[in-house]
Amino acid sequence: MKTVSLREARSTLSRLVEALESGSEQEVVITRRGQPVAKLLPAQAAPASARIGVAKGLFQMPESDAALDAEVSRLFT
């Protein structure tokens, strides 16, 4: 983790972004008057499949009911 003042962040933003992109820095904390006020993190594109399974274990599927299956099928055709 790198910590920089707001003034330094303004003047070196390109270099800070490059450090995040290259992986040489994992995050950059920006301070104002010595107090942390913001954090720069590398953007990481989540794969499309990243959301699959986010609710795993939170819901239970009811037992299959052939009569309902037929009704649902009829509604979609």
N, C-alpha and C. Protein backbone atom coordinates (compact mmCIF):
# COMPACT_ATOMS: atom_id res chain seq x y z
N MET A 1 0.85 -1.18 0.00
CA MET A 1 0.00 0.00 0.00
C MET A 1 0.89 1.24 0.00
N LYS A 2 0.60 2.13 -0.89
CA LYS A 2 1.34 3.38 -0.98
C LYS A 2 0.44 4.50 -0.49
N THR A 3 1.00 5.44 0.25
CA THR A 3 0.25 6.59 0.74
C THR A 3 0.86 7.86 0.15
N VAL A 4 0.00 8.71 -0.41
CA VAL A 4 0.45 9.97 -1.00
C VAL A 4 -0.48 11.09 -0.57
N SER A 5 0.06 12.29 -0.55
CA SER A 5 -0.76 13.45 -0.24
C SER A 5 -1.61 13.79 -1.47
N LEU A 6 -2.64 14.56 -1.26
CA LEU A 6 -3.50 14.99 -2.36
C LEU A 6 -2.70 15.76 -3.39
N ARG A 7 -1.80 16.59 -2.94
CA ARG A 7 -0.95 17.37 -3.85
C ARG A 7 -0.10 16.45 -4.72
N GLU A 8 0.52 15.45 -4.08
CA GLU A 8 1.35 14.49 -4.83
C GLU A 8 0.49 13.68 -5.80
N ALA A 9 -0.71 13.29 -5.37
CA ALA A 9 -1.60 12.52 -6.23
C ALA A 9 -1.97 13.32 -7.47
N ARG A 10 -2.23 14.60 -7.31
CA ARG A 10 -2.56 15.45 -8.46
C ARG A 10 -1.42 15.50 -9.46
N SER A 11 -0.22 15.63 -8.96
CA SER A 11 0.92 15.82 -9.87
C SER A 11 1.46 14.50 -10.43
N THR A 12 1.12 13.36 -9.81
CA THR A 12 1.67 12.09 -10.27
C THR A 12 0.59 11.06 -10.58
N LEU A 13 -0.61 11.51 -10.89
CA LEU A 13 -1.72 10.58 -11.11
C LEU A 13 -1.41 9.54 -12.18
N SER A 14 -0.82 9.95 -13.27
CA SER A 14 -0.50 9.00 -14.34
C SER A 14 0.43 7.90 -13.83
N ARG A 15 1.44 8.27 -13.08
CA ARG A 15 2.38 7.28 -12.54
C ARG A 15 1.70 6.36 -11.52
N LEU A 16 0.81 6.93 -10.73
CA LEU A 16 0.09 6.10 -9.76
C LEU A 16 -0.79 5.08 -10.47
N VAL A 17 -1.49 5.51 -11.51
CA VAL A 17 -2.34 4.60 -12.28
C VAL A 17 -1.49 3.52 -12.94
N GLU A 18 -0.35 3.89 -13.50
CA GLU A 18 0.54 2.91 -14.12
C GLU A 18 1.01 1.88 -13.09
N ALA A 19 1.30 2.32 -11.88
CA ALA A 19 1.75 1.40 -10.83
C ALA A 19 0.64 0.41 -10.49
N LEU A 20 -0.60 0.87 -10.47
CA LEU A 20 -1.73 -0.01 -10.20
C LEU A 20 -1.93 -1.00 -11.36
N GLU A 21 -1.83 -0.49 -12.58
CA GLU A 21 -2.00 -1.34 -13.76
C GLU A 21 -0.94 -2.43 -13.83
N SER A 22 0.29 -2.07 -13.53
CA SER A 22 1.39 -3.02 -13.63
C SER A 22 1.42 -4.02 -12.48
N GLY A 23 0.71 -3.68 -11.40
CA GLY A 23 0.69 -4.57 -10.24
C GLY A 23 1.79 -4.26 -9.23
N SER A 24 2.59 -3.25 -9.50
CA SER A 24 3.64 -2.91 -8.53
C SER A 24 3.05 -2.29 -7.27
N GLU A 25 1.83 -1.77 -7.35
CA GLU A 25 1.08 -1.29 -6.18
C GLU A 25 -0.29 -1.94 -6.21
N GLN A 26 -0.78 -2.35 -5.04
CA GLN A 26 -2.11 -2.94 -4.94
C GLN A 26 -3.18 -1.90 -4.63
N GLU A 27 -2.78 -0.85 -3.94
CA GLU A 27 -3.69 0.25 -3.65
C GLU A 27 -2.87 1.49 -3.30
N VAL A 28 -3.49 2.65 -3.52
CA VAL A 28 -2.85 3.93 -3.20
C VAL A 28 -3.84 4.70 -2.34
N VAL A 29 -3.41 5.08 -1.14
CA VAL A 29 -4.25 5.87 -0.24
C VAL A 29 -3.85 7.33 -0.39
N ILE A 30 -4.84 8.18 -0.60
CA ILE A 30 -4.61 9.62 -0.75
C ILE A 30 -5.02 10.30 0.55
N THR A 31 -4.14 11.15 1.03
CA THR A 31 -4.41 11.84 2.30
C THR A 31 -4.55 13.34 2.08
N ARG A 32 -5.30 13.96 2.97
CA ARG A 32 -5.40 15.42 3.02
C ARG A 32 -5.10 15.81 4.46
N ARG A 33 -4.09 16.63 4.62
CA ARG A 33 -3.63 17.03 5.96
C ARG A 33 -3.35 15.82 6.85
N GLY A 34 -2.78 14.78 6.24
CA GLY A 34 -2.37 13.60 6.98
C GLY A 34 -3.47 12.59 7.25
N GLN A 35 -4.70 12.88 6.85
CA GLN A 35 -5.83 11.98 7.09
C GLN A 35 -6.23 11.29 5.77
N PRO A 36 -6.41 9.98 5.77
CA PRO A 36 -6.84 9.29 4.55
C PRO A 36 -8.22 9.79 4.10
N VAL A 37 -8.33 10.11 2.81
CA VAL A 37 -9.61 10.59 2.27
C VAL A 37 -10.08 9.80 1.06
N ALA A 38 -9.18 9.05 0.40
CA ALA A 38 -9.57 8.29 -0.78
C ALA A 38 -8.60 7.14 -0.98
N LYS A 39 -9.06 6.17 -1.76
CA LYS A 39 -8.22 5.01 -2.05
C LYS A 39 -8.34 4.70 -3.54
N LEU A 40 -7.21 4.53 -4.21
CA LEU A 40 -7.19 4.10 -5.60
C LEU A 40 -6.90 2.61 -5.62
N LEU A 41 -7.71 1.88 -6.36
CA LEU A 41 -7.55 0.44 -6.50
C LEU A 41 -7.54 0.09 -7.97
N PRO A 42 -6.84 -0.98 -8.36
CA PRO A 42 -6.89 -1.38 -9.77
C PRO A 42 -8.28 -1.90 -10.12
N ALA A 43 -8.74 -1.54 -11.30
CA ALA A 43 -10.03 -2.06 -11.77
C ALA A 43 -9.80 -3.48 -12.25
N GLN A 44 -10.62 -4.39 -11.77
CA GLN A 44 -10.49 -5.78 -12.17
C GLN A 44 -11.79 -6.21 -12.81
N ALA A 45 -11.72 -6.53 -14.07
CA ALA A 45 -12.92 -6.96 -14.78
C ALA A 45 -13.33 -8.32 -14.26
N ALA A 46 -14.55 -8.41 -13.79
CA ALA A 46 -15.06 -9.68 -13.30
C ALA A 46 -15.57 -10.50 -14.48
N PRO A 47 -15.23 -11.76 -14.53
CA PRO A 47 -15.75 -12.59 -15.63
C PRO A 47 -17.26 -12.66 -15.55
N ALA A 48 -17.89 -12.88 -16.69
CA ALA A 48 -19.36 -12.93 -16.74
C ALA A 48 -19.92 -13.98 -15.80
N SER A 49 -19.16 -15.02 -15.56
CA SER A 49 -19.65 -16.09 -14.70
C SER A 49 -19.45 -15.79 -13.21
N ALA A 50 -18.91 -14.63 -12.88
CA ALA A 50 -18.62 -14.32 -11.48
C ALA A 50 -19.88 -14.26 -10.63
N ARG A 51 -21.02 -13.95 -11.20
CA ARG A 51 -22.24 -13.83 -10.41
C ARG A 51 -22.93 -15.17 -10.19
N ILE A 52 -22.56 -16.17 -10.94
CA ILE A 52 -23.21 -17.46 -10.79
C ILE A 52 -22.90 -18.01 -9.40
N GLY A 53 -23.93 -18.39 -8.70
CA GLY A 53 -23.75 -18.99 -7.39
C GLY A 53 -23.70 -18.00 -6.23
N VAL A 54 -23.98 -16.70 -6.47
CA VAL A 54 -23.88 -15.75 -5.37
C VAL A 54 -24.92 -16.01 -4.28
N ALA A 55 -26.03 -16.65 -4.64
CA ALA A 55 -27.08 -16.92 -3.65
C ALA A 55 -27.12 -18.40 -3.27
N LYS A 56 -26.04 -19.11 -3.58
CA LYS A 56 -26.00 -20.53 -3.31
C LYS A 56 -26.30 -20.80 -1.83
N GLY A 57 -27.26 -21.70 -1.60
CA GLY A 57 -27.61 -22.07 -0.25
C GLY A 57 -28.67 -21.18 0.40
N LEU A 58 -29.06 -20.10 -0.27
CA LEU A 58 -30.05 -19.19 0.31
C LEU A 58 -31.49 -19.57 -0.04
N PHE A 59 -31.65 -20.37 -1.10
CA PHE A 59 -32.98 -20.74 -1.55
C PHE A 59 -33.05 -22.24 -1.75
N GLN A 60 -34.24 -22.78 -1.63
CA GLN A 60 -34.44 -24.19 -1.92
C GLN A 60 -35.49 -24.31 -3.01
N MET A 61 -35.20 -25.15 -3.99
CA MET A 61 -36.14 -25.39 -5.06
C MET A 61 -37.20 -26.38 -4.58
N PRO A 62 -38.47 -26.13 -4.87
CA PRO A 62 -39.51 -27.09 -4.47
C PRO A 62 -39.40 -28.35 -5.33
N GLU A 63 -39.98 -29.41 -4.83
CA GLU A 63 -40.01 -30.64 -5.61
C GLU A 63 -40.75 -30.38 -6.91
N SER A 64 -40.33 -31.07 -7.96
CA SER A 64 -40.96 -30.92 -9.26
C SER A 64 -42.39 -31.43 -9.21
N ASP A 65 -43.28 -30.72 -9.85
CA ASP A 65 -44.69 -31.11 -9.93
C ASP A 65 -45.04 -31.16 -11.41
N ALA A 66 -45.30 -32.35 -11.92
CA ALA A 66 -45.55 -32.54 -13.35
C ALA A 66 -46.70 -31.66 -13.84
N ALA A 67 -47.74 -31.48 -13.04
CA ALA A 67 -48.88 -30.66 -13.46
C ALA A 67 -48.44 -29.20 -13.62
N LEU A 68 -47.66 -28.73 -12.68
CA LEU A 68 -47.17 -27.35 -12.80
C LEU A 68 -46.20 -27.21 -13.96
N ASP A 69 -45.35 -28.20 -14.18
CA ASP A 69 -44.40 -28.16 -15.29
C ASP A 69 -45.15 -28.01 -16.61
N ALA A 70 -46.22 -28.77 -16.76
CA ALA A 70 -47.02 -28.70 -17.98
C ALA A 70 -47.66 -27.32 -18.14
N GLU A 71 -48.15 -26.74 -17.04
CA GLU A 71 -48.79 -25.43 -17.08
C GLU A 71 -47.78 -24.34 -17.46
N VAL A 72 -46.62 -24.39 -16.84
CA VAL A 72 -45.56 -23.41 -17.15
C VAL A 72 -45.15 -23.56 -18.61
N SER A 73 -44.99 -24.77 -19.06
CA SER A 73 -44.62 -25.00 -20.47
C SER A 73 -45.69 -24.41 -21.41
N ARG A 74 -46.95 -24.62 -21.07
CA ARG A 74 -48.05 -24.08 -21.90
C ARG A 74 -48.01 -22.56 -21.93
N LEU A 75 -47.71 -21.93 -20.80
CA LEU A 75 -47.67 -20.47 -20.75
C LEU A 75 -46.55 -19.89 -21.61
N PHE A 76 -45.47 -20.63 -21.79
CA PHE A 76 -44.35 -20.12 -22.56
C PHE A 76 -44.44 -20.45 -24.05
N THR A 77 -45.45 -21.24 -24.45
CA THR A 77 -45.56 -21.57 -25.86
C THR A 77 -46.75 -20.91 -26.50
